[in-house]
Amino acid sequence: MRLTTAQQQAIKTESRAIFGDDAQVILFGSRTDDAARGGDVDVMIKTSSPVEQPSLKIARLSARVSRLMGGRKVDVILQSEGLARLQVHEIAERTGVPL
């Protein structure tokens, strides 16, 4: 995994501040590959509770984490009750690493 311990903790802290204490954070994509270089940060947030204003909260988390990582692009997807489950959610679960 190509995130420092401090970066992992910051992502978890910000995720739980926005989505609640039960939010699970999964890193997926190129950052899980130690042999890769560069790349954005892909994060899936899983919560069992419905999320009000999901798009706003996703954007807020993306912006906060991007700032913490020096402007690096951060993509956030959300898996929550009441939201459509897409193929990207399946990929994130299958290939991702829980933080």
N, C-alpha and C. Protein backbone atom coordinates (compact mmCIF):
# COMPACT_ATOMS: atom_id res chain seq x y z
N MET A 1 0.84 -1.17 0.00
CA MET A 1 0.00 0.00 0.00
C MET A 1 0.89 1.24 0.00
N ARG A 2 0.56 2.16 -0.88
CA ARG A 2 1.39 3.36 -1.02
C ARG A 2 0.75 4.57 -0.32
N LEU A 3 0.47 4.38 0.96
CA LEU A 3 0.06 5.47 1.84
C LEU A 3 0.82 5.30 3.14
N THR A 4 1.24 6.41 3.71
CA THR A 4 1.90 6.32 5.01
C THR A 4 0.86 6.02 6.08
N THR A 5 1.34 5.61 7.24
CA THR A 5 0.44 5.36 8.36
C THR A 5 -0.32 6.64 8.72
N ALA A 6 0.36 7.76 8.70
CA ALA A 6 -0.29 9.05 9.00
C ALA A 6 -1.37 9.37 7.98
N GLN A 7 -1.12 9.12 6.70
CA GLN A 7 -2.12 9.36 5.66
C GLN A 7 -3.33 8.45 5.85
N GLN A 8 -3.08 7.19 6.16
CA GLN A 8 -4.18 6.25 6.40
C GLN A 8 -5.04 6.71 7.56
N GLN A 9 -4.39 7.12 8.65
CA GLN A 9 -5.14 7.57 9.82
C GLN A 9 -5.93 8.84 9.51
N ALA A 10 -5.34 9.75 8.76
CA ALA A 10 -6.03 11.00 8.40
C ALA A 10 -7.27 10.71 7.55
N ILE A 11 -7.15 9.78 6.62
CA ILE A 11 -8.29 9.42 5.78
C ILE A 11 -9.40 8.82 6.63
N LYS A 12 -9.04 7.93 7.56
CA LYS A 12 -10.05 7.34 8.44
C LYS A 12 -10.70 8.39 9.33
N THR A 13 -9.90 9.27 9.88
CA THR A 13 -10.43 10.32 10.77
C THR A 13 -11.40 11.22 10.03
N GLU A 14 -11.02 11.69 8.85
CA GLU A 14 -11.88 12.57 8.07
C GLU A 14 -13.14 11.85 7.61
N SER A 15 -13.01 10.59 7.23
CA SER A 15 -14.15 9.80 6.78
C SER A 15 -15.18 9.64 7.89
N ARG A 16 -14.71 9.35 9.07
CA ARG A 16 -15.63 9.15 10.20
C ARG A 16 -16.22 10.47 10.68
N ALA A 17 -15.48 11.55 10.53
CA ALA A 17 -16.01 12.86 10.90
C ALA A 17 -17.19 13.24 10.00
N ILE A 18 -17.13 12.84 8.75
CA ILE A 18 -18.17 13.19 7.78
C ILE A 18 -19.30 12.16 7.73
N PHE A 19 -18.95 10.87 7.75
CA PHE A 19 -19.94 9.81 7.55
C PHE A 19 -20.35 9.08 8.82
N GLY A 20 -19.73 9.38 9.94
CA GLY A 20 -20.08 8.74 11.20
C GLY A 20 -19.07 7.70 11.63
N ASP A 21 -19.15 7.37 12.91
CA ASP A 21 -18.17 6.45 13.51
C ASP A 21 -18.22 5.03 12.96
N ASP A 22 -19.35 4.64 12.36
CA ASP A 22 -19.44 3.29 11.83
C ASP A 22 -18.91 3.17 10.40
N ALA A 23 -18.44 4.27 9.84
CA ALA A 23 -17.95 4.25 8.46
C ALA A 23 -16.71 3.36 8.33
N GLN A 24 -16.77 2.46 7.36
CA GLN A 24 -15.61 1.63 7.02
C GLN A 24 -14.93 2.27 5.82
N VAL A 25 -13.61 2.28 5.82
CA VAL A 25 -12.85 2.93 4.76
C VAL A 25 -12.03 1.87 4.04
N ILE A 26 -12.19 1.80 2.71
CA ILE A 26 -11.46 0.82 1.90
C ILE A 26 -10.70 1.57 0.81
N LEU A 27 -9.40 1.35 0.77
CA LEU A 27 -8.55 1.90 -0.29
C LEU A 27 -8.53 0.90 -1.43
N PHE A 28 -8.71 1.36 -2.65
CA PHE A 28 -8.63 0.48 -3.81
C PHE A 28 -7.93 1.21 -4.94
N GLY A 29 -7.71 0.53 -6.03
CA GLY A 29 -7.04 1.16 -7.17
C GLY A 29 -5.53 1.06 -7.07
N SER A 30 -4.85 1.94 -7.80
CA SER A 30 -3.40 1.85 -7.95
C SER A 30 -2.63 2.03 -6.65
N ARG A 31 -3.19 2.72 -5.67
CA ARG A 31 -2.48 2.94 -4.41
C ARG A 31 -2.31 1.66 -3.59
N THR A 32 -3.03 0.61 -3.94
CA THR A 32 -2.85 -0.66 -3.24
C THR A 32 -1.70 -1.47 -3.82
N ASP A 33 -1.16 -1.03 -4.95
CA ASP A 33 -0.08 -1.73 -5.65
C ASP A 33 1.26 -1.08 -5.32
N ASP A 34 2.08 -1.77 -4.54
CA ASP A 34 3.38 -1.23 -4.13
C ASP A 34 4.32 -1.02 -5.31
N ALA A 35 4.10 -1.71 -6.41
CA ALA A 35 4.99 -1.59 -7.56
C ALA A 35 4.62 -0.42 -8.47
N ALA A 36 3.42 0.10 -8.32
CA ALA A 36 2.96 1.21 -9.17
C ALA A 36 3.58 2.52 -8.71
N ARG A 37 3.42 3.55 -9.55
CA ARG A 37 3.91 4.88 -9.21
C ARG A 37 2.81 5.89 -9.49
N GLY A 38 2.83 6.96 -8.70
CA GLY A 38 1.86 8.03 -8.93
C GLY A 38 0.45 7.57 -8.71
N GLY A 39 -0.46 8.24 -9.35
CA GLY A 39 -1.86 7.84 -9.29
C GLY A 39 -2.65 8.58 -8.24
N ASP A 40 -3.95 8.59 -8.46
CA ASP A 40 -4.84 9.24 -7.51
C ASP A 40 -5.11 8.30 -6.34
N VAL A 41 -5.91 8.76 -5.41
CA VAL A 41 -6.29 7.96 -4.25
C VAL A 41 -7.77 7.61 -4.43
N ASP A 42 -8.06 6.32 -4.44
CA ASP A 42 -9.43 5.82 -4.60
C ASP A 42 -9.89 5.22 -3.29
N VAL A 43 -11.00 5.76 -2.76
CA VAL A 43 -11.50 5.34 -1.46
C VAL A 43 -12.98 5.01 -1.57
N MET A 44 -13.37 3.89 -0.95
CA MET A 44 -14.78 3.57 -0.82
C MET A 44 -15.15 3.66 0.66
N ILE A 45 -16.23 4.38 0.93
CA ILE A 45 -16.77 4.47 2.27
C ILE A 45 -17.99 3.57 2.32
N LYS A 46 -18.04 2.69 3.33
CA LYS A 46 -19.19 1.82 3.53
C LYS A 46 -19.83 2.19 4.85
N THR A 47 -21.13 2.37 4.82
CA THR A 47 -21.87 2.64 6.04
C THR A 47 -23.22 1.93 5.97
N SER A 48 -23.68 1.44 7.10
CA SER A 48 -24.95 0.73 7.12
C SER A 48 -26.13 1.68 7.26
N SER A 49 -25.85 2.91 7.62
CA SER A 49 -26.91 3.91 7.80
C SER A 49 -27.13 4.69 6.51
N PRO A 50 -28.36 5.14 6.28
CA PRO A 50 -28.59 6.02 5.14
C PRO A 50 -27.80 7.32 5.32
N VAL A 51 -27.35 7.90 4.23
CA VAL A 51 -26.56 9.13 4.28
C VAL A 51 -27.36 10.25 3.64
N GLU A 52 -27.57 11.31 4.39
CA GLU A 52 -28.23 12.49 3.84
C GLU A 52 -27.21 13.29 3.05
N GLN A 53 -27.62 13.82 1.94
CA GLN A 53 -26.77 14.62 1.05
C GLN A 53 -25.46 13.89 0.71
N PRO A 54 -25.57 12.70 0.15
CA PRO A 54 -24.36 11.91 -0.13
C PRO A 54 -23.37 12.61 -1.06
N SER A 55 -23.85 13.28 -2.09
CA SER A 55 -22.93 13.94 -3.03
C SER A 55 -22.11 15.03 -2.34
N LEU A 56 -22.76 15.80 -1.49
CA LEU A 56 -22.07 16.85 -0.75
C LEU A 56 -21.02 16.27 0.18
N LYS A 57 -21.36 15.19 0.85
CA LYS A 57 -20.42 14.57 1.79
C LYS A 57 -19.25 13.93 1.06
N ILE A 58 -19.52 13.32 -0.08
CA ILE A 58 -18.44 12.74 -0.89
C ILE A 58 -17.48 13.84 -1.34
N ALA A 59 -18.02 14.93 -1.83
CA ALA A 59 -17.18 16.06 -2.28
C ALA A 59 -16.38 16.64 -1.13
N ARG A 60 -17.00 16.76 0.03
CA ARG A 60 -16.31 17.30 1.20
C ARG A 60 -15.13 16.40 1.60
N LEU A 61 -15.36 15.09 1.63
CA LEU A 61 -14.28 14.17 1.98
C LEU A 61 -13.16 14.23 0.95
N SER A 62 -13.52 14.23 -0.31
CA SER A 62 -12.52 14.29 -1.37
C SER A 62 -11.65 15.54 -1.23
N ALA A 63 -12.27 16.68 -0.97
CA ALA A 63 -11.52 17.93 -0.83
C ALA A 63 -10.62 17.91 0.39
N ARG A 64 -11.12 17.42 1.51
CA ARG A 64 -10.31 17.38 2.74
C ARG A 64 -9.10 16.48 2.59
N VAL A 65 -9.31 15.30 2.05
CA VAL A 65 -8.20 14.36 1.89
C VAL A 65 -7.21 14.90 0.85
N SER A 66 -7.70 15.50 -0.21
CA SER A 66 -6.82 16.08 -1.22
C SER A 66 -5.91 17.14 -0.60
N ARG A 67 -6.48 17.99 0.22
CA ARG A 67 -5.66 19.01 0.91
C ARG A 67 -4.60 18.36 1.79
N LEU A 68 -4.99 17.33 2.52
CA LEU A 68 -4.04 16.64 3.40
C LEU A 68 -2.90 15.97 2.62
N MET A 69 -3.17 15.65 1.36
CA MET A 69 -2.18 14.95 0.55
C MET A 69 -1.55 15.86 -0.51
N GLY A 70 -1.51 17.14 -0.21
CA GLY A 70 -0.80 18.07 -1.08
C GLY A 70 -1.46 18.30 -2.43
N GLY A 71 -2.76 18.18 -2.51
CA GLY A 71 -3.46 18.44 -3.76
C GLY A 71 -3.65 17.23 -4.65
N ARG A 72 -3.24 16.06 -4.19
CA ARG A 72 -3.42 14.85 -4.99
C ARG A 72 -4.91 14.60 -5.21
N LYS A 73 -5.26 14.12 -6.40
CA LYS A 73 -6.66 13.83 -6.74
C LYS A 73 -7.15 12.67 -5.88
N VAL A 74 -8.34 12.83 -5.33
CA VAL A 74 -8.94 11.81 -4.48
C VAL A 74 -10.35 11.51 -4.99
N ASP A 75 -10.59 10.25 -5.32
CA ASP A 75 -11.91 9.79 -5.76
C ASP A 75 -12.56 9.03 -4.62
N VAL A 76 -13.80 9.37 -4.32
CA VAL A 76 -14.53 8.74 -3.23
C VAL A 76 -15.82 8.15 -3.80
N ILE A 77 -16.08 6.89 -3.45
CA ILE A 77 -17.37 6.29 -3.75
C ILE A 77 -18.01 5.90 -2.42
N LEU A 78 -19.32 5.79 -2.42
CA LEU A 78 -20.06 5.52 -1.20
C LEU A 78 -20.97 4.33 -1.39
N GLN A 79 -20.92 3.41 -0.44
CA GLN A 79 -21.85 2.29 -0.41
C GLN A 79 -22.68 2.46 0.86
N SER A 80 -23.96 2.69 0.68
CA SER A 80 -24.84 2.98 1.81
C SER A 80 -26.25 2.52 1.50
N GLU A 81 -27.03 2.35 2.53
CA GLU A 81 -28.43 1.98 2.36
C GLU A 81 -29.15 3.02 1.52
N GLY A 82 -29.90 2.54 0.54
CA GLY A 82 -30.68 3.43 -0.30
C GLY A 82 -29.95 3.93 -1.55
N LEU A 83 -28.67 3.61 -1.69
CA LEU A 83 -27.92 4.03 -2.88
C LEU A 83 -27.71 2.83 -3.80
N ALA A 84 -27.67 3.09 -5.09
CA ALA A 84 -27.45 2.02 -6.06
C ALA A 84 -26.08 1.38 -5.86
N ARG A 85 -26.03 0.08 -6.03
CA ARG A 85 -24.76 -0.64 -5.96
C ARG A 85 -24.28 -0.85 -7.40
N LEU A 86 -23.09 -0.35 -7.68
CA LEU A 86 -22.55 -0.39 -9.03
C LEU A 86 -21.37 -1.36 -9.11
N GLN A 87 -20.92 -1.61 -10.32
CA GLN A 87 -19.79 -2.52 -10.52
C GLN A 87 -18.54 -2.02 -9.81
N VAL A 88 -18.34 -0.70 -9.74
CA VAL A 88 -17.16 -0.17 -9.07
C VAL A 88 -17.16 -0.54 -7.58
N HIS A 89 -18.33 -0.66 -6.97
CA HIS A 89 -18.41 -1.10 -5.58
C HIS A 89 -17.91 -2.54 -5.44
N GLU A 90 -18.30 -3.39 -6.40
CA GLU A 90 -17.86 -4.78 -6.40
C GLU A 90 -16.33 -4.87 -6.53
N ILE A 91 -15.79 -4.08 -7.44
CA ILE A 91 -14.34 -4.06 -7.66
C ILE A 91 -13.61 -3.59 -6.40
N ALA A 92 -14.11 -2.53 -5.79
CA ALA A 92 -13.49 -1.99 -4.58
C ALA A 92 -13.50 -3.02 -3.46
N GLU A 93 -14.60 -3.73 -3.29
CA GLU A 93 -14.68 -4.75 -2.26
C GLU A 93 -13.75 -5.92 -2.54
N ARG A 94 -13.68 -6.32 -3.79
CA ARG A 94 -12.87 -7.49 -4.17
C ARG A 94 -11.38 -7.20 -4.10
N THR A 95 -10.97 -6.00 -4.50
CA THR A 95 -9.54 -5.70 -4.63
C THR A 95 -9.01 -4.75 -3.56
N GLY A 96 -9.91 -4.14 -2.79
CA GLY A 96 -9.52 -3.10 -1.86
C GLY A 96 -8.90 -3.61 -0.58
N VAL A 97 -8.30 -2.64 0.14
CA VAL A 97 -7.64 -2.91 1.41
C VAL A 97 -8.30 -2.03 2.47
N PRO A 98 -8.88 -2.64 3.51
CA PRO A 98 -9.47 -1.83 4.57
C PRO A 98 -8.41 -1.00 5.29
N LEU A 99 -8.75 0.23 5.61
CA LEU A 99 -7.83 1.08 6.37
C LEU A 99 -8.22 1.01 7.84
